């Protein structure tokens, strides 16, 4: 299993269990996003605050101005996911490491995966 796949499985398991997830934003409210293949944009989510903090330590020049923000799974499904789908965003799942790697999923796939763990 690739590192991205194992990180994704941890994400599904932890979010299903805790019903919380995390994203990163600046003090001005700008959420962290990454350009990915083609014209796609990935909105990264993590299953714990410590995962973001670890990544921030590894990549201070890129992530230094971002802070972790917690949201509930219900808020993600009800409020955030429709906005992300409308803007054609992918979800980066538990991105990790010096090179900030992981897998990107559609919002619909992410929801199905989390609910499969419930």
PDB file of N, CA and C in Angstrom:
ATOM      1  N   UNK A   1       0.854  -1.181   0.000  1.00  0.00           N
ATOM      2  CA  UNK A   1       0.000   0.000   0.000  1.00  0.00           C
ATOM      3  C   UNK A   1       0.893   1.234   0.000  1.00  0.00           C
ATOM      4  N   UNK A   2       0.586   2.192  -0.859  1.00  0.00           N
ATOM      5  CA  UNK A   2       1.383   3.418  -0.924  1.00  0.00           C
ATOM      6  C   UNK A   2       1.150   4.264   0.319  1.00  0.00           C
ATOM      7  N   UNK A   3       2.083   5.163   0.563  1.00  0.00           N
ATOM      8  CA  UNK A   3       1.954   6.067   1.707  1.00  0.00           C
ATOM      9  C   UNK A   3       0.673   6.879   1.615  1.00  0.00           C
ATOM     10  N   UNK A   4       0.342   7.357   0.398  1.00  0.00           N
ATOM     11  CA  UNK A   4      -0.885   8.126   0.206  1.00  0.00           C
ATOM     12  C   UNK A   4      -2.119   7.321   0.544  1.00  0.00           C
ATOM     13  N   UNK A   5      -2.127   6.034   0.148  1.00  0.00           N
ATOM     14  CA  UNK A   5      -3.273   5.173   0.436  1.00  0.00           C
ATOM     15  C   UNK A   5      -3.396   4.893   1.925  1.00  0.00           C
ATOM     16  N   UNK A   6      -2.253   4.647   2.583  1.00  0.00           N
ATOM     17  CA  UNK A   6      -2.330   4.375   4.019  1.00  0.00           C
ATOM     18  C   UNK A   6      -2.752   5.629   4.787  1.00  0.00           C
ATOM     19  N   UNK A   7      -2.289   6.807   4.345  1.00  0.00           N
ATOM     20  CA  UNK A   7      -2.723   8.056   4.976  1.00  0.00           C
ATOM     21  C   UNK A   7      -4.223   8.274   4.763  1.00  0.00           C
ATOM     22  N   UNK A   8      -4.699   7.938   3.569  1.00  0.00           N
ATOM     23  CA  UNK A   8      -6.125   8.094   3.278  1.00  0.00           C
ATOM     24  C   UNK A   8      -6.955   7.162   4.142  1.00  0.00           C
ATOM     25  N   UNK A   9      -6.516   5.911   4.291  1.00  0.00           N
ATOM     26  CA  UNK A   9      -7.266   4.977   5.132  1.00  0.00           C
ATOM     27  C   UNK A   9      -7.313   5.435   6.578  1.00  0.00           C
ATOM     28  N   UNK A  10      -6.201   5.994   7.069  1.00  0.00           N
ATOM     29  CA  UNK A  10      -6.184   6.557   8.425  1.00  0.00           C
ATOM     30  C   UNK A  10      -7.175   7.715   8.532  1.00  0.00           C
ATOM     31  N   UNK A  11      -7.218   8.534   7.502  1.00  0.00           N
ATOM     32  CA  UNK A  11      -8.144   9.669   7.464  1.00  0.00           C
ATOM     33  C   UNK A  11      -9.586   9.174   7.585  1.00  0.00           C
ATOM     34  N   UNK A  12      -9.975   8.212   6.741  1.00  0.00           N
ATOM     35  CA  UNK A  12     -11.353   7.701   6.769  1.00  0.00           C
ATOM     36  C   UNK A  12     -11.695   7.152   8.144  1.00  0.00           C
ATOM     37  N   UNK A  13     -10.785   6.373   8.695  1.00  0.00           N
ATOM     38  CA  UNK A  13     -11.011   5.751   9.996  1.00  0.00           C
ATOM     39  C   UNK A  13     -11.154   6.801  11.099  1.00  0.00           C
ATOM     40  N   UNK A  14     -10.222   7.752  11.148  1.00  0.00           N
ATOM     41  CA  UNK A  14     -10.220   8.746  12.224  1.00  0.00           C
ATOM     42  C   UNK A  14     -11.399   9.713  12.120  1.00  0.00           C
ATOM     43  N   UNK A  15     -11.722  10.160  10.909  1.00  0.00           N
ATOM     44  CA  UNK A  15     -12.849  11.082  10.753  1.00  0.00           C
ATOM     45  C   UNK A  15     -14.162  10.368  11.055  1.00  0.00           C
ATOM     46  N   UNK A  16     -14.293   9.132  10.620  1.00  0.00           N
ATOM     47  CA  UNK A  16     -15.496   8.357  10.913  1.00  0.00           C
ATOM     48  C   UNK A  16     -15.681   8.194  12.418  1.00  0.00           C
ATOM     49  N   UNK A  17     -14.586   7.947  13.122  1.00  0.00           N
ATOM     50  CA  UNK A  17     -14.646   7.743  14.571  1.00  0.00           C
ATOM     51  C   UNK A  17     -14.877   9.044  15.335  1.00  0.00           C
ATOM     52  N   UNK A  18     -14.131  10.106  14.974  1.00  0.00           N
ATOM     53  CA  UNK A  18     -14.162  11.365  15.738  1.00  0.00           C
ATOM     54  C   UNK A  18     -15.168  12.384  15.233  1.00  0.00           C
ATOM     55  N   UNK A  19     -15.616  12.228  13.981  1.00  0.00           N
ATOM     56  CA  UNK A  19     -16.561  13.160  13.373  1.00  0.00           C
ATOM     57  C   UNK A  19     -16.031  14.596  13.327  1.00  0.00           C
ATOM     58  N   UNK A  20     -14.700  14.730  13.225  1.00  0.00           N
ATOM     59  CA  UNK A  20     -14.028  16.035  13.136  1.00  0.00           C
ATOM     60  C   UNK A  20     -12.991  15.938  12.029  1.00  0.00           C
ATOM     61  N   UNK A  21     -12.719  17.064  11.401  1.00  0.00           N
ATOM     62  CA  UNK A  21     -11.608  17.147  10.463  1.00  0.00           C
ATOM     63  C   UNK A  21     -11.040  18.545  10.493  1.00  0.00           C
ATOM     64  N   UNK A  22      -9.898  18.694   9.835  1.00  0.00           N
ATOM     65  CA  UNK A  22      -9.121  19.919   9.945  1.00  0.00           C
ATOM     66  C   UNK A  22      -8.696  20.422   8.575  1.00  0.00           C
ATOM     67  N   UNK A  23      -8.660  21.746   8.441  1.00  0.00           N
ATOM     68  CA  UNK A  23      -8.089  22.379   7.263  1.00  0.00           C
ATOM     69  C   UNK A  23      -7.163  23.481   7.760  1.00  0.00           C
ATOM     70  N   UNK A  24      -6.483  24.156   6.855  1.00  0.00           N
ATOM     71  CA  UNK A  24      -5.549  25.214   7.249  1.00  0.00           C
ATOM     72  C   UNK A  24      -5.942  26.512   6.576  1.00  0.00           C
ATOM     73  N   UNK A  25      -5.847  27.617   7.350  1.00  0.00           N
ATOM     74  CA  UNK A  25      -6.143  28.935   6.781  1.00  0.00           C
ATOM     75  C   UNK A  25      -5.279  29.996   7.433  1.00  0.00           C
ATOM     76  N   UNK A  26      -5.172  31.133   6.757  1.00  0.00           N
ATOM     77  CA  UNK A  26      -4.411  32.268   7.276  1.00  0.00           C
ATOM     78  C   UNK A  26      -5.301  33.068   8.236  1.00  0.00           C
ATOM     79  N   UNK A  27      -4.684  34.028   8.909  1.00  0.00           N
ATOM     80  CA  UNK A  27      -5.448  34.919   9.788  1.00  0.00           C
ATOM     81  C   UNK A  27      -6.506  35.699   9.009  1.00  0.00           C
ATOM     82  N   UNK A  28      -6.251  35.928   7.717  1.00  0.00           N
ATOM     83  CA  UNK A  28      -7.199  36.658   6.866  1.00  0.00           C
ATOM     84  C   UNK A  28      -8.331  35.775   6.363  1.00  0.00           C
ATOM     85  N   UNK A  29      -8.299  34.487   6.702  1.00  0.00           N
ATOM     86  CA  UNK A  29      -9.358  33.582   6.282  1.00  0.00           C
ATOM     87  C   UNK A  29      -9.151  32.928   4.929  1.00  0.00           C
ATOM     88  N   UNK A  30      -7.928  33.008   4.388  1.00  0.00           N
ATOM     89  CA  UNK A  30      -7.624  32.346   3.121  1.00  0.00           C
ATOM     90  C   UNK A  30      -7.268  30.892   3.388  1.00  0.00           C
ATOM     91  N   UNK A  31      -8.042  29.986   2.844  1.00  0.00           N
ATOM     92  CA  UNK A  31      -7.796  28.565   3.047  1.00  0.00           C
ATOM     93  C   UNK A  31      -6.639  28.095   2.188  1.00  0.00           C
ATOM     94  N   UNK A  32      -5.900  27.125   2.709  1.00  0.00           N
ATOM     95  CA  UNK A  32      -4.810  26.512   1.963  1.00  0.00           C
ATOM     96  C   UNK A  32      -5.383  25.677   0.822  1.00  0.00           C
ATOM     97  N   UNK A  33      -4.870  25.887  -0.372  1.00  0.00           N
ATOM     98  CA  UNK A  33      -5.237  25.096  -1.541  1.00  0.00           C
ATOM     99  C   UNK A  33      -3.986  24.913  -2.386  1.00  0.00           C
ATOM    100  N   UNK A  34      -3.968  23.829  -3.150  1.00  0.00           N
ATOM    101  CA  UNK A  34      -2.839  23.538  -4.030  1.00  0.00           C
ATOM    102  C   UNK A  34      -3.332  23.323  -5.443  1.00  0.00           C
ATOM    103  N   UNK A  35      -2.599  23.872  -6.413  1.00  0.00           N
ATOM    104  CA  UNK A  35      -2.863  23.550  -7.810  1.00  0.00           C
ATOM    105  C   UNK A  35      -2.351  22.140  -8.053  1.00  0.00           C
ATOM    106  N   UNK A  36      -3.158  21.325  -8.708  1.00  0.00           N
ATOM    107  CA  UNK A  36      -2.754  19.961  -9.054  1.00  0.00           C
ATOM    108  C   UNK A  36      -2.910  19.783 -10.552  1.00  0.00           C
ATOM    109  N   UNK A  37      -2.760  18.565 -11.033  1.00  0.00           N
ATOM    110  CA  UNK A  37      -2.783  18.272 -12.469  1.00  0.00           C
ATOM    111  C   UNK A  37      -3.833  19.075 -13.232  1.00  0.00           C
ATOM    112  N   UNK A  38      -3.395  19.580 -14.396  1.00  0.00           N
ATOM    113  CA  UNK A  38      -4.303  20.330 -15.257  1.00  0.00           C
ATOM    114  C   UNK A  38      -4.778  21.598 -14.585  1.00  0.00           C
ATOM    115  N   UNK A  39      -6.067  21.821 -14.645  1.00  0.00           N
ATOM    116  CA  UNK A  39      -6.634  23.038 -14.068  1.00  0.00           C
ATOM    117  C   UNK A  39      -7.352  22.753 -12.752  1.00  0.00           C
ATOM    118  N   UNK A  40      -7.014  21.659 -12.102  1.00  0.00           N
ATOM    119  CA  UNK A  40      -7.659  21.264 -10.843  1.00  0.00           C
ATOM    120  C   UNK A  40      -6.999  21.938  -9.653  1.00  0.00           C
ATOM    121  N   UNK A  41      -7.798  22.141  -8.606  1.00  0.00           N
ATOM    122  CA  UNK A  41      -7.310  22.694  -7.348  1.00  0.00           C
ATOM    123  C   UNK A  41      -7.718  21.739  -6.232  1.00  0.00           C
ATOM    124  N   UNK A  42      -6.785  21.482  -5.333  1.00  0.00           N
ATOM    125  CA  UNK A  42      -7.024  20.576  -4.217  1.00  0.00           C
ATOM    126  C   UNK A  42      -7.135  21.361  -2.917  1.00  0.00           C
ATOM    127  N   UNK A  43      -8.170  21.046  -2.158  1.00  0.00           N
ATOM    128  CA  UNK A  43      -8.411  21.624  -0.836  1.00  0.00           C
ATOM    129  C   UNK A  43      -8.017  20.538   0.173  1.00  0.00           C
ATOM    130  N   UNK A  44      -6.884  20.686   0.863  1.00  0.00           N
ATOM    131  CA  UNK A  44      -6.441  19.617   1.762  1.00  0.00           C
ATOM    132  C   UNK A  44      -7.193  19.601   3.087  1.00  0.00           C
ATOM    133  N   UNK A  45      -7.462  18.384   3.539  1.00  0.00           N
ATOM    134  CA  UNK A  45      -8.082  18.142   4.835  1.00  0.00           C
ATOM    135  C   UNK A  45      -7.249  17.111   5.588  1.00  0.00           C
ATOM    136  N   UNK A  46      -7.243  17.223   6.909  1.00  0.00           N
ATOM    137  CA  UNK A  46      -6.525  16.283   7.753  1.00  0.00           C
ATOM    138  C   UNK A  46      -7.456  15.752   8.834  1.00  0.00           C
ATOM    139  N   UNK A  47      -7.107  14.587   9.354  1.00  0.00           N
ATOM    140  CA  UNK A  47      -7.928  13.957  10.373  1.00  0.00           C
ATOM    141  C   UNK A  47      -7.536  14.366  11.788  1.00  0.00           C
ATOM    142  N   UNK A  48      -6.483  15.169  11.925  1.00  0.00           N
ATOM    143  CA  UNK A  48      -6.098  15.657  13.251  1.00  0.00           C
ATOM    144  C   UNK A  48      -5.283  16.940  13.137  1.00  0.00           C
ATOM    145  N   UNK A  49      -5.326  17.709  14.190  1.00  0.00           N
ATOM    146  CA  UNK A  49      -4.537  18.939  14.260  1.00  0.00           C
ATOM    147  C   UNK A  49      -3.042  18.617  14.229  1.00  0.00           C
ATOM    148  N   UNK A  50      -2.649  17.549  14.901  1.00  0.00           N
ATOM    149  CA  UNK A  50      -1.224  17.204  14.976  1.00  0.00           C
ATOM    150  C   UNK A  50      -0.643  16.906  13.593  1.00  0.00           C
ATOM    151  N   UNK A  51      -1.445  16.381  12.680  1.00  0.00           N
ATOM    152  CA  UNK A  51      -0.956  16.104  11.327  1.00  0.00           C
ATOM    153  C   UNK A  51      -0.609  17.407  10.601  1.00  0.00           C
ATOM    154  N   UNK A  52      -1.431  18.428  10.763  1.00  0.00           N
ATOM    155  CA  UNK A  52      -1.132  19.728  10.139  1.00  0.00           C
ATOM    156  C   UNK A  52       0.110  20.336  10.785  1.00  0.00           C
ATOM    157  N   UNK A  53       0.196  20.265  12.099  1.00  0.00           N
ATOM    158  CA  UNK A  53       1.334  20.867  12.789  1.00  0.00           C
ATOM    159  C   UNK A  53       2.646  20.189  12.391  1.00  0.00           C
ATOM    160  N   UNK A  54       2.626  18.873  12.224  1.00  0.00           N
ATOM    161  CA  UNK A  54       3.814  18.141  11.781  1.00  0.00           C
ATOM    162  C   UNK A  54       4.225  18.596  10.381  1.00  0.00           C
ATOM    163  N   UNK A  55       3.239  18.733   9.502  1.00  0.00           N
ATOM    164  CA  UNK A  55       3.513  19.163   8.128  1.00  0.00           C
ATOM    165  C   UNK A  55       4.033  20.601   8.103  1.00  0.00           C
ATOM    166  N   UNK A  56       3.476  21.421   8.958  1.00  0.00           N
ATOM    167  CA  UNK A  56       3.908  22.824   9.055  1.00  0.00           C
ATOM    168  C   UNK A  56       5.371  22.908   9.508  1.00  0.00           C
ATOM    169  N   UNK A  57       5.778  22.042  10.431  1.00  0.00           N
ATOM    170  CA  UNK A  57       7.170  22.001  10.879  1.00  0.00           C
ATOM    171  C   UNK A  57       8.110  21.599   9.750  1.00  0.00           C
ATOM    172  N   UNK A  58       7.662  20.674   8.916  1.00  0.00           N
ATOM    173  CA  UNK A  58       8.487  20.204   7.801  1.00  0.00           C
ATOM    174  C   UNK A  58       8.569  21.229   6.669  1.00  0.00           C
ATOM    175  N   UNK A  59       7.576  22.098   6.558  1.00  0.00           N
ATOM    176  CA  UNK A  59       7.468  23.039   5.442  1.00  0.00           C
ATOM    177  C   UNK A  59       7.137  24.451   5.921  1.00  0.00           C
ATOM    178  N   UNK A  60       7.973  25.031   6.803  1.00  0.00           N
ATOM    179  CA  UNK A  60       7.635  26.337   7.373  1.00  0.00           C
ATOM    180  C   UNK A  60       7.569  27.463   6.341  1.00  0.00           C
ATOM    181  N   UNK A  61       8.380  27.374   5.295  1.00  0.00           N
ATOM    182  CA  UNK A  61       8.384  28.438   4.293  1.00  0.00           C
ATOM    183  C   UNK A  61       7.073  28.479   3.514  1.00  0.00           C
ATOM    184  N   UNK A  62       6.434  27.357   3.341  1.00  0.00           N
ATOM    185  CA  UNK A  62       5.181  27.282   2.589  1.00  0.00           C
ATOM    186  C   UNK A  62       3.955  27.408   3.495  1.00  0.00           C
ATOM    187  N   UNK A  63       4.031  26.822   4.681  1.00  0.00           N
ATOM    188  CA  UNK A  63       2.848  26.721   5.544  1.00  0.00           C
ATOM    189  C   UNK A  63       2.917  27.595   6.791  1.00  0.00           C
ATOM    190  N   UNK A  64       3.976  28.374   6.928  1.00  0.00           N
ATOM    191  CA  UNK A  64       4.185  29.160   8.136  1.00  0.00           C
ATOM    192  C   UNK A  64       3.035  30.071   8.518  1.00  0.00           C
ATOM    193  N   UNK A  65       2.363  30.657   7.557  1.00  0.00           N
ATOM    194  CA  UNK A  65       1.285  31.608   7.863  1.00  0.00           C
ATOM    195  C   UNK A  65      -0.072  30.939   8.066  1.00  0.00           C
ATOM    196  N   UNK A  66      -0.131  29.609   7.905  1.00  0.00           N
ATOM    197  CA  UNK A  66      -1.400  28.888   8.032  1.00  0.00           C
ATOM    198  C   UNK A  66      -1.550  28.277   9.413  1.00  0.00           C
ATOM    199  N   UNK A  67      -2.785  28.275   9.903  1.00  0.00           N
ATOM    200  CA  UNK A  67      -3.105  27.678  11.197  1.00  0.00           C
ATOM    201  C   UNK A  67      -4.210  26.645  11.009  1.00  0.00           C
ATOM    202  N   UNK A  68      -4.208  25.603  11.856  1.00  0.00           N
ATOM    203  CA  UNK A  68      -5.245  24.576  11.770  1.00  0.00           C
ATOM    204  C   UNK A  68      -6.602  25.112  12.217  1.00  0.00           C
ATOM    205  N   UNK A  69      -7.644  24.679  11.525  1.00  0.00           N
ATOM    206  CA  UNK A  69      -9.026  25.017  11.880  1.00  0.00           C
ATOM    207  C   UNK A  69      -9.838  23.731  11.893  1.00  0.00           C
ATOM    208  N   UNK A  70     -10.567  23.522  12.964  1.00  0.00           N
ATOM    209  CA  UNK A  70     -11.368  22.310  13.119  1.00  0.00           C
ATOM    210  C   UNK A  70     -12.800  22.545  12.653  1.00  0.00           C
ATOM    211  N   UNK A  71     -13.364  21.540  11.982  1.00  0.00           N
ATOM    212  CA  UNK A  71     -14.778  21.567  11.616  1.00  0.00           C
ATOM    213  C   UNK A  71     -15.366  20.190  11.883  1.00  0.00           C
ATOM    214  N   UNK A  72     -16.663  20.148  12.045  1.00  0.00           N
ATOM    215  CA  UNK A  72     -17.326  18.859  12.247  1.00  0.00           C
ATOM    216  C   UNK A  72     -17.572  18.188  10.900  1.00  0.00           C
ATOM    217  N   UNK A  73     -17.703  16.886  10.938  1.00  0.00           N
ATOM    218  CA  UNK A  73     -18.021  16.131   9.729  1.00  0.00           C
ATOM    219  C   UNK A  73     -19.365  16.604   9.171  1.00  0.00           C
ATOM    220  N   UNK A  74     -20.317  16.860  10.055  1.00  0.00           N
ATOM    221  CA  UNK A  74     -21.638  17.308   9.619  1.00  0.00           C
ATOM    222  C   UNK A  74     -21.552  18.657   8.905  1.00  0.00           C
ATOM    223  N   UNK A  75     -20.762  19.585   9.446  1.00  0.00           N
ATOM    224  CA  UNK A  75     -20.581  20.885   8.796  1.00  0.00           C
ATOM    225  C   UNK A  75     -19.946  20.692   7.426  1.00  0.00           C
ATOM    226  N   UNK A  76     -18.957  19.819   7.349  1.00  0.00           N
ATOM    227  CA  UNK A  76     -18.330  19.556   6.054  1.00  0.00           C
ATOM    228  C   UNK A  76     -19.372  19.081   5.047  1.00  0.00           C
ATOM    229  N   UNK A  77     -20.161  18.095   5.435  1.00  0.00           N
ATOM    230  CA  UNK A  77     -21.148  17.538   4.507  1.00  0.00           C
ATOM    231  C   UNK A  77     -22.237  18.539   4.135  1.00  0.00           C
ATOM    232  N   UNK A  78     -22.748  19.269   5.130  1.00  0.00           N
ATOM    233  CA  UNK A  78     -23.894  20.148   4.901  1.00  0.00           C
ATOM    234  C   UNK A  78     -23.535  21.496   4.276  1.00  0.00           C
ATOM    235  N   UNK A  79     -22.407  22.057   4.656  1.00  0.00           N
ATOM    236  CA  UNK A  79     -22.069  23.423   4.261  1.00  0.00           C
ATOM    237  C   UNK A  79     -20.879  23.484   3.296  1.00  0.00           C
ATOM    238  N   UNK A  80     -19.780  22.880   3.693  1.00  0.00           N
ATOM    239  CA  UNK A  80     -18.555  23.029   2.909  1.00  0.00           C
ATOM    240  C   UNK A  80     -18.555  22.205   1.627  1.00  0.00           C
ATOM    241  N   UNK A  81     -19.032  20.968   1.681  1.00  0.00           N
ATOM    242  CA  UNK A  81     -18.952  20.119   0.482  1.00  0.00           C
ATOM    243  C   UNK A  81     -19.732  20.685  -0.707  1.00  0.00           C
ATOM    244  N   UNK A  82     -20.923  21.258  -0.532  1.00  0.00           N
ATOM    245  CA  UNK A  82     -21.589  21.854  -1.711  1.00  0.00           C
ATOM    246  C   UNK A  82     -20.775  22.992  -2.337  1.00  0.00           C
ATOM    247  N   UNK A  83     -20.113  23.798  -1.496  1.00  0.00           N
ATOM    248  CA  UNK A  83     -19.286  24.887  -2.030  1.00  0.00           C
ATOM    249  C   UNK A  83     -18.071  24.333  -2.771  1.00  0.00           C
ATOM    250  N   UNK A  84     -17.454  23.300  -2.218  1.00  0.00           N
ATOM    251  CA  UNK A  84     -16.286  22.704  -2.868  1.00  0.00           C
ATOM    252  C   UNK A  84     -16.670  22.064  -4.202  1.00  0.00           C
ATOM    253  N   UNK A  85     -17.815  21.390  -4.232  1.00  0.00           N
ATOM    254  CA  UNK A  85     -18.268  20.772  -5.484  1.00  0.00           C
ATOM    255  C   UNK A  85     -18.600  21.841  -6.526  1.00  0.00           C
ATOM    256  N   UNK A  86     -19.237  22.909  -6.089  1.00  0.00           N
ATOM    257  CA  UNK A  86     -19.581  23.996  -7.003  1.00  0.00           C
ATOM    258  C   UNK A  86     -18.329  24.603  -7.640  1.00  0.00           C
ATOM    259  N   UNK A  87     -17.247  24.655  -6.865  1.00  0.00           N
ATOM    260  CA  UNK A  87     -15.985  25.216  -7.355  1.00  0.00           C
ATOM    261  C   UNK A  87     -15.058  24.154  -7.942  1.00  0.00           C
ATOM    262  N   UNK A  88     -15.591  22.952  -8.125  1.00  0.00           N
ATOM    263  CA  UNK A  88     -14.856  21.854  -8.772  1.00  0.00           C
ATOM    264  C   UNK A  88     -13.537  21.536  -8.063  1.00  0.00           C
ATOM    265  N   UNK A  89     -13.563  21.552  -6.719  1.00  0.00           N
ATOM    266  CA  UNK A  89     -12.366  21.264  -5.934  1.00  0.00           C
ATOM    267  C   UNK A  89     -12.240  19.769  -5.682  1.00  0.00           C
ATOM    268  N   UNK A  90     -10.995  19.319  -5.625  1.00  0.00           N
ATOM    269  CA  UNK A  90     -10.670  17.991  -5.142  1.00  0.00           C
ATOM    270  C   UNK A  90     -10.323  18.116  -3.670  1.00  0.00           C
ATOM    271  N   UNK A  91     -10.273  16.995  -2.969  1.00  0.00           N
ATOM    272  CA  UNK A  91      -9.883  16.994  -1.567  1.00  0.00           C
ATOM    273  C   UNK A  91      -8.572  16.239  -1.432  1.00  0.00           C
ATOM    274  N   UNK A  92      -7.548  16.909  -0.897  1.00  0.00           N
ATOM    275  CA  UNK A  92      -6.285  16.265  -0.566  1.00  0.00           C
ATOM    276  C   UNK A  92      -6.423  15.665   0.820  1.00  0.00           C
ATOM    277  N   UNK A  93      -6.159  14.379   0.946  1.00  0.00           N
ATOM    278  CA  UNK A  93      -6.440  13.649   2.186  1.00  0.00           C
ATOM    279  C   UNK A  93      -5.160  13.376   2.970  1.00  0.00           C
ATOM    280  N   UNK A  94      -5.083  13.915   4.196  1.00  0.00           N
ATOM    281  CA  UNK A  94      -3.949  13.716   5.100  1.00  0.00           C
ATOM    282  C   UNK A  94      -2.608  13.855   4.372  1.00  0.00           C
ATOM    283  N   UNK A  95      -2.445  14.950   3.627  1.00  0.00           N
ATOM    284  CA  UNK A  95      -1.178  15.183   2.944  1.00  0.00           C
ATOM    285  C   UNK A  95      -0.058  15.187   3.977  1.00  0.00           C
ATOM    286  N   UNK A  96       1.097  14.665   3.584  1.00  0.00           N
ATOM    287  CA  UNK A  96       2.172  14.523   4.568  1.00  0.00           C
ATOM    288  C   UNK A  96       3.541  14.601   3.898  1.00  0.00           C
ATOM    289  N   UNK A  97       4.575  14.737   4.743  1.00  0.00           N
ATOM    290  CA  UNK A  97       5.955  14.676   4.297  1.00  0.00           C
ATOM    291  C   UNK A  97       6.521  15.982   3.775  1.00  0.00           C
ATOM    292  N   UNK A  98       7.818  15.976   3.583  1.00  0.00           N
ATOM    293  CA  UNK A  98       8.540  17.151   3.097  1.00  0.00           C
ATOM    294  C   UNK A  98       7.992  17.620   1.747  1.00  0.00           C
ATOM    295  N   UNK A  99       7.584  16.669   0.907  1.00  0.00           N
ATOM    296  CA  UNK A  99       7.071  17.008  -0.423  1.00  0.00           C
ATOM    297  C   UNK A  99       5.557  17.189  -0.464  1.00  0.00           C
ATOM    298  N   UNK A 100       4.920  17.153   0.679  1.00  0.00           N
ATOM    299  CA  UNK A 100       3.471  17.340   0.807  1.00  0.00           C
ATOM    300  C   UNK A 100       2.727  16.442  -0.190  1.00  0.00           C
ATOM    301  N   UNK A 101       2.819  15.161   0.047  1.00  0.00           N
ATOM    302  CA  UNK A 101       2.213  14.194  -0.856  1.00  0.00           C
ATOM    303  C   UNK A 101       0.992  13.528  -0.237  1.00  0.00           C
ATOM    304  N   UNK A 102       0.192  12.960  -1.099  1.00  0.00           N
ATOM    305  CA  UNK A 102      -0.999  12.242  -0.680  1.00  0.00           C
ATOM    306  C   UNK A 102      -1.865  11.969  -1.881  1.00  0.00           C
ATOM    307  N   UNK A 103      -3.131  11.711  -1.638  1.00  0.00           N
ATOM    308  CA  UNK A 103      -4.048  11.480  -2.752  1.00  0.00           C
ATOM    309  C   UNK A 103      -5.133  12.544  -2.751  1.00  0.00           C
ATOM    310  N   UNK A 104      -5.658  12.795  -3.940  1.00  0.00           N
ATOM    311  CA  UNK A 104      -6.756  13.740  -4.119  1.00  0.00           C
ATOM    312  C   UNK A 104      -7.984  12.968  -4.572  1.00  0.00           C
ATOM    313  N   UNK A 105      -9.104  13.283  -3.955  1.00  0.00           N
ATOM    314  CA  UNK A 105     -10.378  12.639  -4.268  1.00  0.00           C
ATOM    315  C   UNK A 105     -11.427  13.685  -4.590  1.00  0.00           C
ATOM    316  N   UNK A 106     -12.463  13.256  -5.295  1.00  0.00           N
ATOM    317  CA  UNK A 106     -13.615  14.144  -5.442  1.00  0.00           C
ATOM    318  C   UNK A 106     -14.319  14.220  -4.097  1.00  0.00           C
ATOM    319  N   UNK A 107     -15.100  15.254  -3.903  1.00  0.00           N
ATOM    320  CA  UNK A 107     -15.866  15.406  -2.661  1.00  0.00           C
ATOM    321  C   UNK A 107     -16.805  14.215  -2.487  1.00  0.00           C
ATOM    322  N   UNK A 108     -17.459  13.811  -3.566  1.00  0.00           N
ATOM    323  CA  UNK A 108     -18.399  12.699  -3.497  1.00  0.00           C
ATOM    324  C   UNK A 108     -17.711  11.415  -3.051  1.00  0.00           C
ATOM    325  N   UNK A 109     -16.519  11.140  -3.597  1.00  0.00           N
ATOM    326  CA  UNK A 109     -15.770   9.935  -3.219  1.00  0.00           C
ATOM    327  C   UNK A 109     -15.364   9.975  -1.756  1.00  0.00           C
ATOM    328  N   UNK A 110     -14.937  11.143  -1.298  1.00  0.00           N
ATOM    329  CA  UNK A 110     -14.540  11.284   0.095  1.00  0.00           C
ATOM    330  C   UNK A 110     -15.712  10.969   1.020  1.00  0.00           C
ATOM    331  N   UNK A 111     -16.865  11.533   0.737  1.00  0.00           N
ATOM    332  CA  UNK A 111     -18.039  11.291   1.580  1.00  0.00           C
ATOM    333  C   UNK A 111     -18.389   9.802   1.598  1.00  0.00           C
ATOM    334  N   UNK A 112     -18.369   9.157   0.446  1.00  0.00           N
ATOM    335  CA  UNK A 112     -18.665   7.715   0.382  1.00  0.00           C
ATOM    336  C   UNK A 112     -17.669   6.909   1.212  1.00  0.00           C
ATOM    337  N   UNK A 113     -16.394   7.262   1.113  1.00  0.00           N
ATOM    338  CA  UNK A 113     -15.375   6.528   1.865  1.00  0.00           C
ATOM    339  C   UNK A 113     -15.563   6.672   3.373  1.00  0.00           C
ATOM    340  N   UNK A 114     -15.810   7.898   3.838  1.00  0.00           N
ATOM    341  CA  UNK A 114     -16.008   8.115   5.279  1.00  0.00           C
ATOM    342  C   UNK A 114     -17.236   7.359   5.762  1.00  0.00           C
ATOM    343  N   UNK A 115     -18.319   7.451   5.006  1.00  0.00           N
ATOM    344  CA  UNK A 115     -19.557   6.804   5.439  1.00  0.00           C
ATOM    345  C   UNK A 115     -19.459   5.291   5.380  1.00  0.00           C
ATOM    346  N   UNK A 116     -18.560   4.756   4.549  1.00  0.00           N
ATOM    347  CA  UNK A 116     -18.343   3.315   4.510  1.00  0.00           C
ATOM    348  C   UNK A 116     -17.669   2.811   5.792  1.00  0.00           C
ATOM    349  N   UNK A 117     -16.925   3.688   6.456  1.00  0.00           N
ATOM    350  CA  UNK A 117     -16.263   3.320   7.703  1.00  0.00           C
ATOM    351  C   UNK A 117     -17.192   3.435   8.911  1.00  0.00           C
ATOM    352  N   UNK A 118     -18.311   4.102   8.747  1.00  0.00           N
ATOM    353  CA  UNK A 118     -19.217   4.348   9.883  1.00  0.00           C
ATOM    354  C   UNK A 118     -19.903   3.082  10.350  1.00  0.00           C
TER     355      UNK A 118
END
